[in-house]
């Protein structure tokens, strides 16, 4: 979009250093800041996760995988 870090920081009400740290992968934005960035940059950063409870009988048919318990960084 041709924005500088300083311009983006001003648009979302944050310091430029926060934007720089997010870009470098050193900081994960809060949900509030992610929503502001979505609005300004017209992108999708936050996805709603629908959590459902399993019936106790469902557990015997469910195998836990590494993806169920681990969090991977890009």
C-alpha atoms as a PDB file:
ATOM      1  CA  UNK A   1       0.000   0.000   0.000  1.00  0.00           C
ATOM      2  CA  UNK A   2       3.039   2.243   0.040  1.00  0.00           C
ATOM      3  CA  UNK A   3       2.794   2.990   3.766  1.00  0.00           C
ATOM      4  CA  UNK A   4       5.830   3.554   5.924  1.00  0.00           C
ATOM      5  CA  UNK A   5       5.980   1.953   9.363  1.00  0.00           C
ATOM      6  CA  UNK A   6       5.533   5.395  10.875  1.00  0.00           C
ATOM      7  CA  UNK A   7       2.419   6.081   8.793  1.00  0.00           C
ATOM      8  CA  UNK A   8       0.904   2.702   9.671  1.00  0.00           C
ATOM      9  CA  UNK A   9       1.713   3.185  13.350  1.00  0.00           C
ATOM     10  CA  UNK A  10      -0.047   6.543  13.335  1.00  0.00           C
ATOM     11  CA  UNK A  11      -3.099   5.084  11.594  1.00  0.00           C
ATOM     12  CA  UNK A  12      -3.507   2.342  14.209  1.00  0.00           C
ATOM     13  CA  UNK A  13      -2.454   4.478  17.194  1.00  0.00           C
ATOM     14  CA  UNK A  14       0.756   2.614  18.031  1.00  0.00           C
ATOM     15  CA  UNK A  15       4.467   3.353  18.149  1.00  0.00           C
ATOM     16  CA  UNK A  16       6.580   2.664  15.085  1.00  0.00           C
ATOM     17  CA  UNK A  17       8.736   0.291  17.143  1.00  0.00           C
ATOM     18  CA  UNK A  18       5.686  -1.927  17.787  1.00  0.00           C
ATOM     19  CA  UNK A  19       5.008  -2.196  14.044  1.00  0.00           C
ATOM     20  CA  UNK A  20       8.700  -2.949  13.389  1.00  0.00           C
ATOM     21  CA  UNK A  21       8.718  -5.734  16.024  1.00  0.00           C
ATOM     22  CA  UNK A  22       5.522  -7.253  14.594  1.00  0.00           C
ATOM     23  CA  UNK A  23       7.010  -7.230  11.077  1.00  0.00           C
ATOM     24  CA  UNK A  24      10.196  -8.875  12.365  1.00  0.00           C
ATOM     25  CA  UNK A  25       8.208 -11.615  14.099  1.00  0.00           C
ATOM     26  CA  UNK A  26       9.425 -10.524  17.529  1.00  0.00           C
ATOM     27  CA  UNK A  27       5.979  -9.504  18.783  1.00  0.00           C
ATOM     28  CA  UNK A  28       2.510 -10.896  18.288  1.00  0.00           C
ATOM     29  CA  UNK A  29      -0.128  -8.154  18.161  1.00  0.00           C
ATOM     30  CA  UNK A  30      -3.010  -8.125  20.596  1.00  0.00           C
ATOM     31  CA  UNK A  31      -6.420  -8.986  19.193  1.00  0.00           C
ATOM     32  CA  UNK A  32      -7.339  -5.302  19.413  1.00  0.00           C
ATOM     33  CA  UNK A  33      -4.277  -4.232  17.423  1.00  0.00           C
ATOM     34  CA  UNK A  34      -4.765  -7.070  14.921  1.00  0.00           C
ATOM     35  CA  UNK A  35      -8.330  -5.844  14.307  1.00  0.00           C
ATOM     36  CA  UNK A  36      -7.039  -2.289  13.733  1.00  0.00           C
ATOM     37  CA  UNK A  37      -4.402  -3.582  11.302  1.00  0.00           C
ATOM     38  CA  UNK A  38      -7.071  -5.594   9.461  1.00  0.00           C
ATOM     39  CA  UNK A  39      -9.190  -2.494   9.027  1.00  0.00           C
ATOM     40  CA  UNK A  40      -6.355  -0.242   7.857  1.00  0.00           C
ATOM     41  CA  UNK A  41      -4.633  -2.790   5.598  1.00  0.00           C
ATOM     42  CA  UNK A  42      -7.867  -4.412   4.385  1.00  0.00           C
ATOM     43  CA  UNK A  43      -6.572  -7.898   5.215  1.00  0.00           C
ATOM     44  CA  UNK A  44      -7.687 -10.791   7.407  1.00  0.00           C
ATOM     45  CA  UNK A  45      -5.477 -11.533  10.433  1.00  0.00           C
ATOM     46  CA  UNK A  46      -7.905 -12.904  13.013  1.00  0.00           C
ATOM     47  CA  UNK A  47     -10.010 -15.950  12.408  1.00  0.00           C
ATOM     48  CA  UNK A  48     -12.803 -17.041  14.713  1.00  0.00           C
ATOM     49  CA  UNK A  49     -12.351 -20.554  16.024  1.00  0.00           C
ATOM     50  CA  UNK A  50     -15.491 -22.469  16.782  1.00  0.00           C
ATOM     51  CA  UNK A  51     -14.966 -24.746  19.749  1.00  0.00           C
ATOM     52  CA  UNK A  52     -17.319 -27.621  20.257  1.00  0.00           C
ATOM     53  CA  UNK A  53     -17.601 -30.193  22.988  1.00  0.00           C
ATOM     54  CA  UNK A  54     -17.387 -33.837  22.095  1.00  0.00           C
ATOM     55  CA  UNK A  55     -19.665 -36.413  23.539  1.00  0.00           C
ATOM     56  CA  UNK A  56     -17.759 -38.842  25.759  1.00  0.00           C
ATOM     57  CA  UNK A  57     -18.398 -41.616  23.216  1.00  0.00           C
ATOM     58  CA  UNK A  58     -16.715 -39.551  20.479  1.00  0.00           C
ATOM     59  CA  UNK A  59     -13.337 -39.692  22.205  1.00  0.00           C
ATOM     60  CA  UNK A  60     -12.772 -43.361  21.428  1.00  0.00           C
ATOM     61  CA  UNK A  61     -12.981 -42.554  17.696  1.00  0.00           C
ATOM     62  CA  UNK A  62     -10.628 -39.573  17.944  1.00  0.00           C
ATOM     63  CA  UNK A  63      -6.853 -39.904  17.560  1.00  0.00           C
ATOM     64  CA  UNK A  64      -4.768 -37.010  18.848  1.00  0.00           C
ATOM     65  CA  UNK A  65      -2.212 -35.744  16.369  1.00  0.00           C
ATOM     66  CA  UNK A  66       0.793 -33.462  16.802  1.00  0.00           C
ATOM     67  CA  UNK A  67      -1.281 -30.635  15.308  1.00  0.00           C
ATOM     68  CA  UNK A  68      -3.760 -30.939  18.185  1.00  0.00           C
ATOM     69  CA  UNK A  69      -1.151 -30.249  20.846  1.00  0.00           C
ATOM     70  CA  UNK A  70       1.636 -28.258  19.184  1.00  0.00           C
ATOM     71  CA  UNK A  71       1.775 -24.705  17.984  1.00  0.00           C
ATOM     72  CA  UNK A  72       3.948 -24.132  14.902  1.00  0.00           C
ATOM     73  CA  UNK A  73       5.669 -20.862  14.012  1.00  0.00           C
ATOM     74  CA  UNK A  74       6.096 -19.880  10.375  1.00  0.00           C
END
